[in-house]
C-alpha atoms as a PDB file:
ATOM      1  CA  MET A   1      -0.047   0.117  -0.163  1.00  0.00           C
ATOM      2  CA  GLY A   2       2.696   2.304  -0.264  1.00  0.00           C
ATOM      3  CA  THR A   3       5.708   3.861   1.882  1.00  0.00           C
ATOM      4  CA  THR A   4       4.107   5.354   5.417  1.00  0.00           C
ATOM      5  CA  ARG A   5       3.983   9.252   4.202  1.00  0.00           C
ATOM      6  CA  LEU A   6       3.287  12.318   6.316  1.00  0.00           C
ATOM      7  CA  ILE A   7       0.573  14.926   5.966  1.00  0.00           C
ATOM      8  CA  TYR A   8       0.539  18.251   7.026  1.00  0.00           C
ATOM      9  CA  ILE A   9      -2.948  19.372   7.628  1.00  0.00           C
ATOM     10  CA  GLY A  10      -4.469  23.178   7.178  1.00  0.00           C
ATOM     11  CA  GLY A  11      -6.931  24.971   8.416  1.00  0.00           C
ATOM     12  CA  TYR A  12      -8.185  28.997  10.284  1.00  0.00           C
ATOM     13  CA  THR A  13      -7.821  29.168  13.810  1.00  0.00           C
ATOM     14  CA  PRO A  14      -9.945  31.158  15.702  1.00  0.00           C
ATOM     15  CA  ASP A  15      -8.012  34.796  14.506  1.00  0.00           C
ATOM     16  CA  SER A  16      -8.779  33.645  10.730  1.00  0.00           C
ATOM     17  CA  GLY A  17     -12.671  32.652  11.629  1.00  0.00           C
ATOM     18  CA  GLY A  18     -12.243  28.738  12.661  1.00  0.00           C
ATOM     19  CA  SER A  19     -11.006  26.958  15.849  1.00  0.00           C
ATOM     20  CA  GLY A  20      -8.369  25.273  14.938  1.00  0.00           C
ATOM     21  CA  PRO A  21      -4.563  24.944  16.607  1.00  0.00           C
ATOM     22  CA  GLY A  22      -2.600  25.722  13.116  1.00  0.00           C
ATOM     23  CA  VAL A  23      -0.685  22.986  10.739  1.00  0.00           C
ATOM     24  CA  THR A  24      -1.276  19.192  12.085  1.00  0.00           C
ATOM     25  CA  THR A  25       1.053  16.600  11.436  1.00  0.00           C
ATOM     26  CA  VAL A  26       0.055  13.139  11.155  1.00  0.00           C
ATOM     27  CA  ARG A  27       1.463  10.280   9.995  1.00  0.00           C
ATOM     28  CA  ARG A  28       0.272   7.346   7.910  1.00  0.00           C
ATOM     29  CA  GLU A  29       0.728   4.476   8.280  1.00  0.00           C
ATOM     30  CA  SER A  30       1.090   1.162   5.998  1.00  0.00           C
ATOM     31  CA  ASP A  31      -2.956   0.827   6.281  1.00  0.00           C
ATOM     32  CA  GLY A  32      -4.342   4.148   5.527  1.00  0.00           C
ATOM     33  CA  ARG A  33      -5.354   5.093   8.721  1.00  0.00           C
ATOM     34  CA  LEU A  34      -3.525   8.392  10.762  1.00  0.00           C
ATOM     35  CA  GLY A  35      -1.666   8.933  14.100  1.00  0.00           C
ATOM     36  CA  GLU A  36      -1.093  12.679  15.062  1.00  0.00           C
ATOM     37  CA  LEU A  37       2.565  13.590  15.676  1.00  0.00           C
ATOM     38  CA  ALA A  38       2.554  17.179  16.040  1.00  0.00           C
ATOM     39  CA  VAL A  39       0.886  20.417  16.157  1.00  0.00           C
ATOM     40  CA  THR A  40       2.410  23.438  15.207  1.00  0.00           C
ATOM     41  CA  ALA A  41       0.747  26.620  15.833  1.00  0.00           C
ATOM     42  CA  ALA A  42       0.450  29.178  13.307  1.00  0.00           C
ATOM     43  CA  SER A  43      -1.820  32.088  12.207  1.00  0.00           C
ATOM     44  CA  GLY A  44      -4.810  30.708   9.837  1.00  0.00           C
ATOM     45  CA  PRO A  45      -2.620  28.659   7.953  1.00  0.00           C
ATOM     46  CA  SER A  46      -5.397  27.467   4.996  1.00  0.00           C
ATOM     47  CA  PHE A  47      -3.355  26.128   2.401  1.00  0.00           C
ATOM     48  CA  LEU A  48       0.107  24.492   2.320  1.00  0.00           C
ATOM     49  CA  ALA A  49       2.581  23.710  -0.087  1.00  0.00           C
ATOM     50  CA  ALA A  50       5.805  21.918   0.862  1.00  0.00           C
ATOM     51  CA  HIS A  51       9.218  23.372  -1.765  1.00  0.00           C
ATOM     52  CA  PRO A  52      10.450  19.869  -4.505  1.00  0.00           C
ATOM     53  CA  ALA A  53      13.795  19.728  -3.424  1.00  0.00           C
ATOM     54  CA  LEU A  54      13.706  20.720   0.244  1.00  0.00           C
ATOM     55  CA  PRO A  55      12.434  19.999   3.358  1.00  0.00           C
ATOM     56  CA  VAL A  56      10.571  23.185   3.481  1.00  0.00           C
ATOM     57  CA  LEU A  57       6.959  23.794   3.824  1.00  0.00           C
ATOM     58  CA  TYR A  58       5.353  26.929   2.942  1.00  0.00           C
ATOM     59  CA  ALA A  59       1.877  28.165   4.502  1.00  0.00           C
ATOM     60  CA  VAL A  60      -0.395  31.029   4.072  1.00  0.00           C
ATOM     61  CA  GLY A  61      -1.595  32.883   6.715  1.00  0.00           C
ATOM     62  CA  GLU A  62      -5.354  33.505   5.738  1.00  0.00           C
ATOM     63  CA  THR A  63      -6.164  37.212   7.615  1.00  0.00           C
ATOM     64  CA  ALA A  64      -6.392  40.787   7.348  1.00  0.00           C
ATOM     65  CA  GLU A  65      -2.457  41.419   7.076  1.00  0.00           C
ATOM     66  CA  GLY A  66      -2.444  38.481   5.040  1.00  0.00           C
ATOM     67  CA  THR A  67       1.244  36.534   5.164  1.00  0.00           C
ATOM     68  CA  VAL A  68       3.275  33.362   4.276  1.00  0.00           C
ATOM     69  CA  SER A  69       5.433  31.739   6.577  1.00  0.00           C
ATOM     70  CA  ALA A  70       8.553  28.973   5.267  1.00  0.00           C
ATOM     71  CA  PHE A  71       8.595  25.713   7.972  1.00  0.00           C
ATOM     72  CA  THR A  72      11.568  23.821   8.288  1.00  0.00           C
ATOM     73  CA  ARG A  73      10.127  19.847   8.201  1.00  0.00           C
ATOM     74  CA  HIS A  74      11.738  17.312  10.146  1.00  0.00           C
ATOM     75  CA  PRO A  75      11.604  13.027  10.526  1.00  0.00           C
ATOM     76  CA  ASP A  76       8.999  13.870  13.450  1.00  0.00           C
ATOM     77  CA  GLY A  77       6.957  15.825  12.222  1.00  0.00           C
ATOM     78  CA  ARG A  78       7.937  18.589  14.034  1.00  0.00           C
ATOM     79  CA  LEU A  79       8.344  22.283  11.993  1.00  0.00           C
ATOM     80  CA  THR A  80      10.304  24.674  13.056  1.00  0.00           C
ATOM     81  CA  ARG A  81       9.549  28.663  11.113  1.00  0.00           C
ATOM     82  CA  LEU A  82      11.948  29.670   8.722  1.00  0.00           C
ATOM     83  CA  GLY A  83      10.405  33.312   8.372  1.00  0.00           C
ATOM     84  CA  GLU A  84       7.250  35.159   8.254  1.00  0.00           C
ATOM     85  CA  HIS A  85       6.374  37.540   5.590  1.00  0.00           C
ATOM     86  CA  SER A  86       4.122  39.398   3.566  1.00  0.00           C
ATOM     87  CA  SER A  87       1.591  37.697   1.139  1.00  0.00           C
ATOM     88  CA  GLY A  88       1.660  40.609  -0.908  1.00  0.00           C
ATOM     89  CA  GLY A  89      -2.058  41.310  -0.084  1.00  0.00           C
ATOM     90  CA  ASN A  90      -4.936  40.340   2.394  1.00  0.00           C
ATOM     91  CA  SER A  91      -7.004  37.115   3.302  1.00  0.00           C
ATOM     92  CA  PRO A  92      -4.176  34.903   1.543  1.00  0.00           C
ATOM     93  CA  CYS A  93      -6.138  31.169   0.667  1.00  0.00           C
ATOM     94  CA  HIS A  94      -3.421  29.471  -1.861  1.00  0.00           C
ATOM     95  CA  VAL A  95       0.231  28.776  -1.684  1.00  0.00           C
ATOM     96  CA  ALA A  96       2.546  27.238  -4.429  1.00  0.00           C
ATOM     97  CA  VAL A  97       6.313  27.061  -5.217  1.00  0.00           C
ATOM     98  CA  ASP A  98       6.838  26.182  -8.930  1.00  0.00           C
ATOM     99  CA  PRO A  99       8.570  23.046  -9.927  1.00  0.00           C
ATOM    100  CA  TYR A 100      12.409  24.698  -9.710  1.00  0.00           C
ATOM    101  CA  GLY A 101      12.136  25.343  -5.871  1.00  0.00           C
ATOM    102  CA  SER A 102      12.628  29.273  -7.207  1.00  0.00           C
ATOM    103  CA  TRP A 103       9.450  31.062  -6.684  1.00  0.00           C
ATOM    104  CA  LEU A 104       6.640  30.822  -4.120  1.00  0.00           C
ATOM    105  CA  ALA A 105       3.402  32.128  -5.413  1.00  0.00           C
ATOM    106  CA  ILE A 106       0.341  33.277  -3.237  1.00  0.00           C
ATOM    107  CA  ALA A 107      -2.683  33.961  -4.343  1.00  0.00           C
ATOM    108  CA  ASN A 108      -4.794  36.899  -2.715  1.00  0.00           C
ATOM    109  CA  TYR A 109      -8.316  36.715  -2.312  1.00  0.00           C
ATOM    110  CA  GLY A 110      -9.422  39.362  -0.240  1.00  0.00           C
ATOM    111  CA  ASP A 111      -7.913  42.195  -2.888  1.00  0.00           C
ATOM    112  CA  GLY A 112      -6.845  39.951  -5.973  1.00  0.00           C
ATOM    113  CA  VAL A 113      -3.038  40.297  -5.926  1.00  0.00           C
ATOM    114  CA  LEU A 114      -1.176  37.812  -7.014  1.00  0.00           C
ATOM    115  CA  GLY A 115       1.897  37.810  -4.429  1.00  0.00           C
ATOM    116  CA  VAL A 116       5.065  36.888  -5.499  1.00  0.00           C
ATOM    117  CA  ARG A 117       8.401  35.991  -4.456  1.00  0.00           C
ATOM    118  CA  ARG A 118      11.906  34.614  -4.634  1.00  0.00           C
ATOM    119  CA  LEU A 119      13.389  31.511  -2.910  1.00  0.00           C
ATOM    120  CA  ASP A 120      16.572  30.720  -2.191  1.00  0.00           C
ATOM    121  CA  GLU A 121      19.009  27.759  -2.279  1.00  0.00           C
ATOM    122  CA  PHE A 122      18.195  27.199   1.477  1.00  0.00           C
ATOM    123  CA  GLY A 123      14.631  27.812   0.594  1.00  0.00           C
ATOM    124  CA  ARG A 124      13.504  30.594   2.177  1.00  0.00           C
ATOM    125  CA  MET A 125      12.041  34.079   0.690  1.00  0.00           C
ATOM    126  CA  ALA A 126      14.572  36.121  -0.752  1.00  0.00           C
ATOM    127  CA  GLY A 127      13.457  39.912  -0.720  1.00  0.00           C
ATOM    128  CA  PRO A 128      11.032  42.618  -1.221  1.00  0.00           C
ATOM    129  CA  PRO A 129       7.426  40.356  -2.855  1.00  0.00           C
ATOM    130  CA  LYS A 130       6.021  41.647  -6.200  1.00  0.00           C
ATOM    131  CA  VAL A 131       3.016  42.091  -5.937  1.00  0.00           C
ATOM    132  CA  PHE A 132       0.835  42.217  -8.919  1.00  0.00           C
ATOM    133  CA  PRO A 133      -2.997  43.816  -8.588  1.00  0.00           C
ATOM    134  CA  HIS A 134      -5.829  42.976 -10.385  1.00  0.00           C
ATOM    135  CA  THR A 135      -8.940  45.219 -11.720  1.00  0.00           C
ATOM    136  CA  GLY A 136     -12.312  43.907 -13.259  1.00  0.00           C
ATOM    137  CA  SER A 137     -15.732  42.603 -11.594  1.00  0.00           C
ATOM    138  CA  GLY A 138     -18.246  39.737 -12.477  1.00  0.00           C
ATOM    139  CA  PRO A 139     -21.882  39.571 -13.096  1.00  0.00           C
ATOM    140  CA  ASP A 140     -22.376  38.115  -9.223  1.00  0.00           C
ATOM    141  CA  PRO A 141     -23.120  41.707  -7.256  1.00  0.00           C
ATOM    142  CA  ASP A 142     -22.467  39.552  -4.260  1.00  0.00           C
ATOM    143  CA  ARG A 143     -19.116  37.731  -5.107  1.00  0.00           C
ATOM    144  CA  GLN A 144     -17.673  38.761  -7.517  1.00  0.00           C
ATOM    145  CA  ALA A 145     -17.713  43.337  -7.234  1.00  0.00           C
ATOM    146  CA  GLY A 146     -13.511  43.053  -7.479  1.00  0.00           C
ATOM    147  CA  PRO A 147     -11.172  40.715  -8.095  1.00  0.00           C
ATOM    148  CA  HIS A 148     -10.320  37.434  -6.068  1.00  0.00           C
ATOM    149  CA  ALA A 149      -7.039  35.088  -6.440  1.00  0.00           C
ATOM    150  CA  HIS A 150      -8.128  31.815  -5.379  1.00  0.00           C
ATOM    151  CA  GLN A 151      -5.512  29.528  -7.009  1.00  0.00           C
ATOM    152  CA  ALA A 152      -1.980  29.955  -8.452  1.00  0.00           C
ATOM    153  CA  VAL A 153      -0.857  27.069 -10.366  1.00  0.00           C
ATOM    154  CA  PHE A 154       3.507  26.643 -12.343  1.00  0.00           C
ATOM    155  CA  GLY A 155       1.740  24.831 -15.744  1.00  0.00           C
ATOM    156  CA  PRO A 156       3.612  22.727 -18.028  1.00  0.00           C
ATOM    157  CA  ASP A 157       5.016  25.727 -19.755  1.00  0.00           C
ATOM    158  CA  GLY A 158       6.291  27.319 -17.536  1.00  0.00           C
ATOM    159  CA  GLY A 159       4.480  29.915 -16.545  1.00  0.00           C
ATOM    160  CA  LEU A 160       1.841  30.775 -13.903  1.00  0.00           C
ATOM    161  CA  TYR A 161      -1.803  30.920 -14.035  1.00  0.00           C
ATOM    162  CA  VAL A 162      -3.846  32.408 -11.034  1.00  0.00           C
ATOM    163  CA  THR A 163      -7.463  31.717 -11.310  1.00  0.00           C
ATOM    164  CA  ASP A 164      -9.605  35.021 -10.190  1.00  0.00           C
ATOM    165  CA  LEU A 165     -13.511  34.106  -9.078  1.00  0.00           C
ATOM    166  CA  GLY A 166     -13.926  37.569  -8.366  1.00  0.00           C
ATOM    167  CA  THR A 167     -12.955  39.210 -12.365  1.00  0.00           C
ATOM    168  CA  ASP A 168     -14.045  35.206 -14.638  1.00  0.00           C
ATOM    169  CA  GLU A 169     -10.469  35.100 -15.584  1.00  0.00           C
ATOM    170  CA  ILE A 170      -7.217  32.909 -15.905  1.00  0.00           C
ATOM    171  CA  ARG A 171      -4.760  35.508 -14.995  1.00  0.00           C
ATOM    172  CA  ARG A 172      -1.372  34.524 -16.859  1.00  0.00           C
ATOM    173  CA  TYR A 173       2.126  35.338 -16.332  1.00  0.00           C
ATOM    174  CA  LEU A 174       5.179  34.398 -17.596  1.00  0.00           C
ATOM    175  CA  VAL A 175       8.171  33.277 -15.120  1.00  0.00           C
ATOM    176  CA  GLY A 176      12.489  33.551 -15.855  1.00  0.00           C
ATOM    177  CA  ASP A 177      14.408  35.374 -14.440  1.00  0.00           C
ATOM    178  CA  GLY A 178      11.057  37.319 -13.380  1.00  0.00           C
ATOM    179  CA  VAL A 179       8.055  37.254 -13.330  1.00  0.00           C
ATOM    180  CA  ARG A 180       5.974  39.211 -15.564  1.00  0.00           C
ATOM    181  CA  PRO A 181       2.359  39.434 -16.586  1.00  0.00           C
ATOM    182  CA  HIS A 182       1.377  37.514 -20.305  1.00  0.00           C
ATOM    183  CA  PRO A 183       1.509  39.684 -23.199  1.00  0.00           C
ATOM    184  CA  ASP A 184      -1.518  38.841 -24.768  1.00  0.00           C
ATOM    185  CA  GLY A 185      -3.780  39.165 -21.116  1.00  0.00           C
ATOM    186  CA  PRO A 186      -5.604  36.564 -19.609  1.00  0.00           C
ATOM    187  CA  ILE A 187      -7.944  34.162 -20.574  1.00  0.00           C
ATOM    188  CA  ARG A 188     -11.839  34.852 -20.246  1.00  0.00           C
ATOM    189  CA  VAL A 189     -14.243  32.351 -18.820  1.00  0.00           C
ATOM    190  CA  THR A 190     -17.778  31.938 -19.015  1.00  0.00           C
ATOM    191  CA  PRO A 191     -19.515  35.048 -16.964  1.00  0.00           C
ATOM    192  CA  GLY A 192     -21.186  33.755 -13.851  1.00  0.00           C
ATOM    193  CA  THR A 193     -17.830  31.189 -13.151  1.00  0.00           C
ATOM    194  CA  GLY A 194     -16.181  31.827  -9.859  1.00  0.00           C
ATOM    195  CA  PRO A 195     -12.853  30.245 -10.978  1.00  0.00           C
ATOM    196  CA  ARG A 196     -11.541  28.136  -7.918  1.00  0.00           C
ATOM    197  CA  HIS A 197      -9.655  25.603  -8.399  1.00  0.00           C
ATOM    198  CA  LEU A 198      -7.187  24.996 -11.831  1.00  0.00           C
ATOM    199  CA  PHE A 199      -5.730  22.084 -12.898  1.00  0.00           C
ATOM    200  CA  HIS A 200      -3.424  20.790 -15.970  1.00  0.00           C
ATOM    201  CA  SER A 201      -3.377  16.879 -17.144  1.00  0.00           C
ATOM    202  CA  ALA A 202      -2.150  15.380 -20.843  1.00  0.00           C
ATOM    203  CA  GLY A 203      -1.903  18.554 -22.748  1.00  0.00           C
ATOM    204  CA  ARG A 204      -5.676  19.938 -21.433  1.00  0.00           C
ATOM    205  CA  TRP A 205      -7.032  22.358 -17.808  1.00  0.00           C
ATOM    206  CA  TYR A 206     -10.168  21.563 -16.238  1.00  0.00           C
ATOM    207  CA  LEU A 207     -11.436  24.109 -14.046  1.00  0.00           C
ATOM    208  CA  ALA A 208     -13.930  23.853 -11.056  1.00  0.00           C
ATOM    209  CA  GLY A 209     -16.612  26.095 -11.266  1.00  0.00           C
ATOM    210  CA  GLU A 210     -17.653  28.003  -7.468  1.00  0.00           C
ATOM    211  CA  LEU A 211     -20.484  30.208  -8.521  1.00  0.00           C
ATOM    212  CA  ASN A 212     -21.603  27.900 -11.703  1.00  0.00           C
ATOM    213  CA  GLY A 213     -21.451  24.905 -10.349  1.00  0.00           C
ATOM    214  CA  ALA A 214     -19.122  23.389 -12.773  1.00  0.00           C
ATOM    215  CA  VAL A 215     -16.404  21.760 -14.233  1.00  0.00           C
ATOM    216  CA  THR A 216     -14.436  22.635 -17.608  1.00  0.00           C
ATOM    217  CA  MET A 217     -12.424  21.057 -19.967  1.00  0.00           C
ATOM    218  CA  TYR A 218     -10.241  23.475 -22.066  1.00  0.00           C
ATOM    219  CA  ASP A 219      -7.157  22.590 -24.375  1.00  0.00           C
ATOM    220  CA  ALA A 220      -3.927  23.730 -24.439  1.00  0.00           C
ATOM    221  CA  ALA A 221      -5.442  26.691 -26.625  1.00  0.00           C
ATOM    222  CA  TRP A 222      -8.097  27.189 -24.137  1.00  0.00           C
ATOM    223  CA  ASN A 223     -10.528  26.553 -26.723  1.00  0.00           C
ATOM    224  CA  GLU A 224     -13.399  24.954 -24.382  1.00  0.00           C
ATOM    225  CA  LEU A 225     -13.900  21.053 -24.901  1.00  0.00           C
ATOM    226  CA  ALA A 226     -17.412  19.870 -22.439  1.00  0.00           C
ATOM    227  CA  THR A 227     -18.365  21.476 -19.009  1.00  0.00           C
ATOM    228  CA  VAL A 228     -21.107  19.712 -16.887  1.00  0.00           C
ATOM    229  CA  PRO A 229     -22.640  19.452 -13.412  1.00  0.00           C
ATOM    230  CA  ALA A 230     -19.868  18.853 -11.210  1.00  0.00           C
ATOM    231  CA  SER A 231     -23.045  17.235  -8.914  1.00  0.00           C
ATOM    232  CA  ARG A 232     -25.789  15.222 -10.326  1.00  0.00           C
ATOM    233  CA  SER A 233     -27.157  16.489  -6.465  1.00  0.00           C
ATOM    234  CA  PRO A 234     -30.200  19.191  -6.389  1.00  0.00           C
ATOM    235  CA  GLU A 235     -29.197  20.862  -3.346  1.00  0.00           C
ATOM    236  CA  PRO A 236     -26.999  24.107  -4.386  1.00  0.00           C
ATOM    237  CA  ASN A 237     -23.206  23.688  -4.849  1.00  0.00           C
ATOM    238  CA  ALA A 238     -20.019  25.558  -4.329  1.00  0.00           C
ATOM    239  CA  PRO A 239     -17.045  23.178  -6.271  1.00  0.00           C
ATOM    240  CA  SER A 240     -13.970  23.201  -4.146  1.00  0.00           C
ATOM    241  CA  HIS A 241     -10.975  20.873  -4.893  1.00  0.00           C
ATOM    242  CA  LEU A 242     -10.301  19.351  -8.452  1.00  0.00           C
ATOM    243  CA  GLU A 243      -7.756  17.478  -9.585  1.00  0.00           C
ATOM    244  CA  VAL A 244      -6.823  14.609 -12.091  1.00  0.00           C
ATOM    245  CA  SER A 245      -6.009  11.154 -10.824  1.00  0.00           C
ATOM    246  CA  ALA A 246      -2.502   9.863 -11.143  1.00  0.00           C
ATOM    247  CA  ASP A 247      -2.714   8.436 -14.379  1.00  0.00           C
ATOM    248  CA  GLY A 248      -5.024  10.499 -16.177  1.00  0.00           C
ATOM    249  CA  ARG A 249      -7.660   8.661 -16.115  1.00  0.00           C
ATOM    250  CA  PHE A 250     -10.122  10.652 -13.788  1.00  0.00           C
ATOM    251  CA  VAL A 251     -11.066  14.167 -12.525  1.00  0.00           C
ATOM    252  CA  TYR A 252     -12.048  14.164  -9.106  1.00  0.00           C
ATOM    253  CA  VAL A 253     -14.134  17.385  -7.379  1.00  0.00           C
ATOM    254  CA  ALA A 254     -15.324  18.093  -4.355  1.00  0.00           C
ATOM    255  CA  ASN A 255     -19.202  19.114  -4.484  1.00  0.00           C
ATOM    256  CA  ARG A 256     -19.597  21.832  -0.860  1.00  0.00           C
ATOM    257  CA  GLY A 257     -23.385  21.947   0.219  1.00  0.00           C
ATOM    258  CA  PRO A 258     -24.320  17.909  -1.202  1.00  0.00           C
ATOM    259  CA  ASP A 259     -21.024  17.252   0.625  1.00  0.00           C
ATOM    260  CA  THR A 260     -20.050  14.076  -2.138  1.00  0.00           C
ATOM    261  CA  VAL A 261     -16.716  13.490  -4.543  1.00  0.00           C
ATOM    262  CA  THR A 262     -17.955  13.261  -8.032  1.00  0.00           C
ATOM    263  CA  VAL A 263     -15.489  11.462 -10.227  1.00  0.00           C
ATOM    264  CA  LEU A 264     -16.156  12.285 -13.729  1.00  0.00           C
ATOM    265  CA  ASP A 265     -14.149  10.723 -17.434  1.00  0.00           C
ATOM    266  CA  SER A 266     -10.751  12.589 -17.855  1.00  0.00           C
ATOM    267  CA  ARG A 267     -11.606  12.337 -21.765  1.00  0.00           C
ATOM    268  CA  ASP A 268     -15.131  13.933 -22.082  1.00  0.00           C
ATOM    269  CA  LEU A 269     -16.009  14.936 -18.108  1.00  0.00           C
ATOM    270  CA  SER A 270     -18.839  12.348 -18.481  1.00  0.00           C
ATOM    271  CA  HIS A 271     -20.137  10.676 -15.375  1.00  0.00           C
ATOM    272  CA  VAL A 272     -18.601   8.742 -13.500  1.00  0.00           C
ATOM    273  CA  ALA A 273     -19.530   8.355  -9.756  1.00  0.00           C
ATOM    274  CA  GLU A 274     -20.898  10.666  -7.001  1.00  0.00           C
ATOM    275  CA  VAL A 275     -20.330   9.569  -3.661  1.00  0.00           C
ATOM    276  CA  PRO A 276     -20.644  11.227  -0.383  1.00  0.00           C
ATOM    277  CA  CYS A 277     -18.185  12.536   1.349  1.00  0.00           C
ATOM    278  CA  GLY A 278     -19.020  11.304   4.870  1.00  0.00           C
ATOM    279  CA  GLY A 279     -18.173  14.750   5.919  1.00  0.00           C
ATOM    280  CA  ALA A 280     -19.684  18.353   5.929  1.00  0.00           C
ATOM    281  CA  TRP A 281     -18.533  20.654   4.010  1.00  0.00           C
ATOM    282  CA  PRO A 282     -15.255  19.363   1.186  1.00  0.00           C
ATOM    283  CA  ARG A 283     -12.555  21.934   1.444  1.00  0.00           C
ATOM    284  CA  HIS A 284      -9.460  20.215  -0.083  1.00  0.00           C
ATOM    285  CA  PHE A 285      -8.214  16.153  -1.188  1.00  0.00           C
ATOM    286  CA  ALA A 286      -5.744  14.020  -1.634  1.00  0.00           C
ATOM    287  CA  VAL A 287      -4.837  10.863  -2.716  1.00  0.00           C
ATOM    288  CA  VAL A 288      -2.595   8.756  -1.519  1.00  0.00           C
ATOM    289  CA  GLY A 289      -2.491   4.848  -2.579  1.00  0.00           C
ATOM    290  CA  ASP A 290      -6.086   3.786  -1.906  1.00  0.00           C
ATOM    291  CA  ARG A 291      -7.550   6.367   0.493  1.00  0.00           C
ATOM    292  CA  MET A 292      -8.655   9.800  -0.539  1.00  0.00           C
ATOM    293  CA  TYR A 293      -8.356  12.220   2.533  1.00  0.00           C
ATOM    294  CA  VAL A 294     -10.784  15.408   2.642  1.00  0.00           C
ATOM    295  CA  ALA A 295     -11.096  18.508   4.681  1.00  0.00           C
ATOM    296  CA  ASP A 296     -14.365  18.344   5.868  1.00  0.00           C
ATOM    297  CA  GLN A 297     -14.068  21.951   7.830  1.00  0.00           C
ATOM    298  CA  HIS A 298     -17.104  22.275   8.739  1.00  0.00           C
ATOM    299  CA  SER A 299     -17.738  18.789  10.593  1.00  0.00           C
ATOM    300  CA  ALA A 300     -13.746  19.053  11.347  1.00  0.00           C
ATOM    301  CA  GLU A 301     -13.007  15.328  10.577  1.00  0.00           C
ATOM    302  CA  ILE A 302     -10.481  14.218   7.841  1.00  0.00           C
ATOM    303  CA  THR A 303     -12.769  11.647   6.113  1.00  0.00           C
ATOM    304  CA  ALA A 304     -10.597   8.546   4.893  1.00  0.00           C
ATOM    305  CA  LEU A 305     -12.646   7.034   1.743  1.00  0.00           C
ATOM    306  CA  THR A 306     -10.974   3.424   0.392  1.00  0.00           C
ATOM    307  CA  VAL A 307     -10.251   4.373  -3.479  1.00  0.00           C
ATOM    308  CA  LYS A 308     -11.201   1.193  -5.282  1.00  0.00           C
ATOM    309  CA  SER A 309      -9.785   1.288  -9.955  1.00  0.00           C
ATOM    310  CA  GLY A 310      -9.639   4.592  -9.195  1.00  0.00           C
ATOM    311  CA  VAL A 311     -12.787   5.656  -7.846  1.00  0.00           C
ATOM    312  CA  PRO A 312     -13.748   6.679  -4.285  1.00  0.00           C
ATOM    313  CA  GLN A 313     -16.033   4.384  -2.234  1.00  0.00           C
ATOM    314  CA  ALA A 314     -17.144   4.316   1.715  1.00  0.00           C
ATOM    315  CA  VAL A 315     -14.907   5.681   4.597  1.00  0.00           C
ATOM    316  CA  ALA A 316     -12.523   3.805   5.717  1.00  0.00           C
ATOM    317  CA  GLU A 317     -11.242   5.606   8.628  1.00  0.00           C
ATOM    318  CA  ARG A 318     -11.893   9.641   9.940  1.00  0.00           C
ATOM    319  CA  PHE A 319      -9.423  11.742  11.996  1.00  0.00           C
ATOM    320  CA  ALA A 320     -10.247  14.626  14.198  1.00  0.00           C
ATOM    321  CA  VAL A 321      -9.608  17.974  13.853  1.00  0.00           C
ATOM    322  CA  GLU A 322     -10.986  21.415  13.934  1.00  0.00           C
ATOM    323  CA  THR A 323     -11.638  23.527  10.584  1.00  0.00           C
ATOM    324  CA  PRO A 324      -9.827  21.793   8.245  1.00  0.00           C
ATOM    325  CA  SER A 325      -9.066  23.610   4.934  1.00  0.00           C
ATOM    326  CA  CYS A 326      -5.781  21.741   3.698  1.00  0.00           C
ATOM    327  CA  VAL A 327      -4.375  18.409   3.587  1.00  0.00           C
ATOM    328  CA  LEU A 328      -0.922  17.701   1.785  1.00  0.00           C
ATOM    329  CA  PRO A 329       0.464  14.457   1.363  1.00  0.00           C
ATOM    330  CA  VAL A 330       5.013  14.615   1.588  1.00  0.00           C
ATOM    331  CA  PRO A 331       7.280  11.392   1.623  1.00  0.00           C
ATOM    332  CA  ALA A 332       8.160  10.784   5.751  1.00  0.00           C
ATOM    333  CA  LEU A 333      11.746  12.485   5.469  1.00  0.00           C
END
């Protein structure tokens, strides 16, 4: 069932609208069960990312001030802080590291600012942040009065892509010795989509729309190939996290409201299955071996669904943790 891994759980703390303790480190046993190893105090670590080569973890601080922190990871699960810096905006909700470990990108939901920081050879943030504010709006007056950067993704072409829920755009940036806006500007998606999470696989892009409750597939040139409802439930749905299975066959999307995980065929987005996630308000998930670990924000738990032939099944285990919003598996040190 694979090697033992560590899983870091981020979530909301009392100063960011939740009741979580900070970053919780758990050990994944060979049978898929989770056991707590350590808890590290942090302010609003709602999303986490790991350096691709170094034992360094990054966490946003989703507060009005907006921070991003770096931690050294230890084999026993402990984290020691390397530094805390401004995220470049307010209420950051996502952080990503480029494949070479050179750049850190932070999506600030509150004001839509993309913050970018250079990383040194030790994985530390070096120099001042480079910030990219944005303008625009969408048809939903409550959710789209202004820009809301929701996720930053380093694409296979070396570019940086930022979903903007507020402006119905995929913002694009060129990455090299520096970072700059793409000369062709952003990709504009269907008004009212509310782009949230984006995933690339085999030359295609898959997008979860938080406001339209749909999954959309695009080709490499950003031509829309298909759009389907993320859930077949009659309940109102706000899709959250989306990703493609390791073998490229399936698209998984978590549905807040119906509290399910939907499985779609990655070729045409045809429906394969929709299963209860076992908790309430599935915010994020990660697949490790034959388990899908789901961060159920409102029911204060990580539910572990068994995965058979690529499709999540019934809940096998539960791990209690307050207001979780991110699960990040990494190989054990």
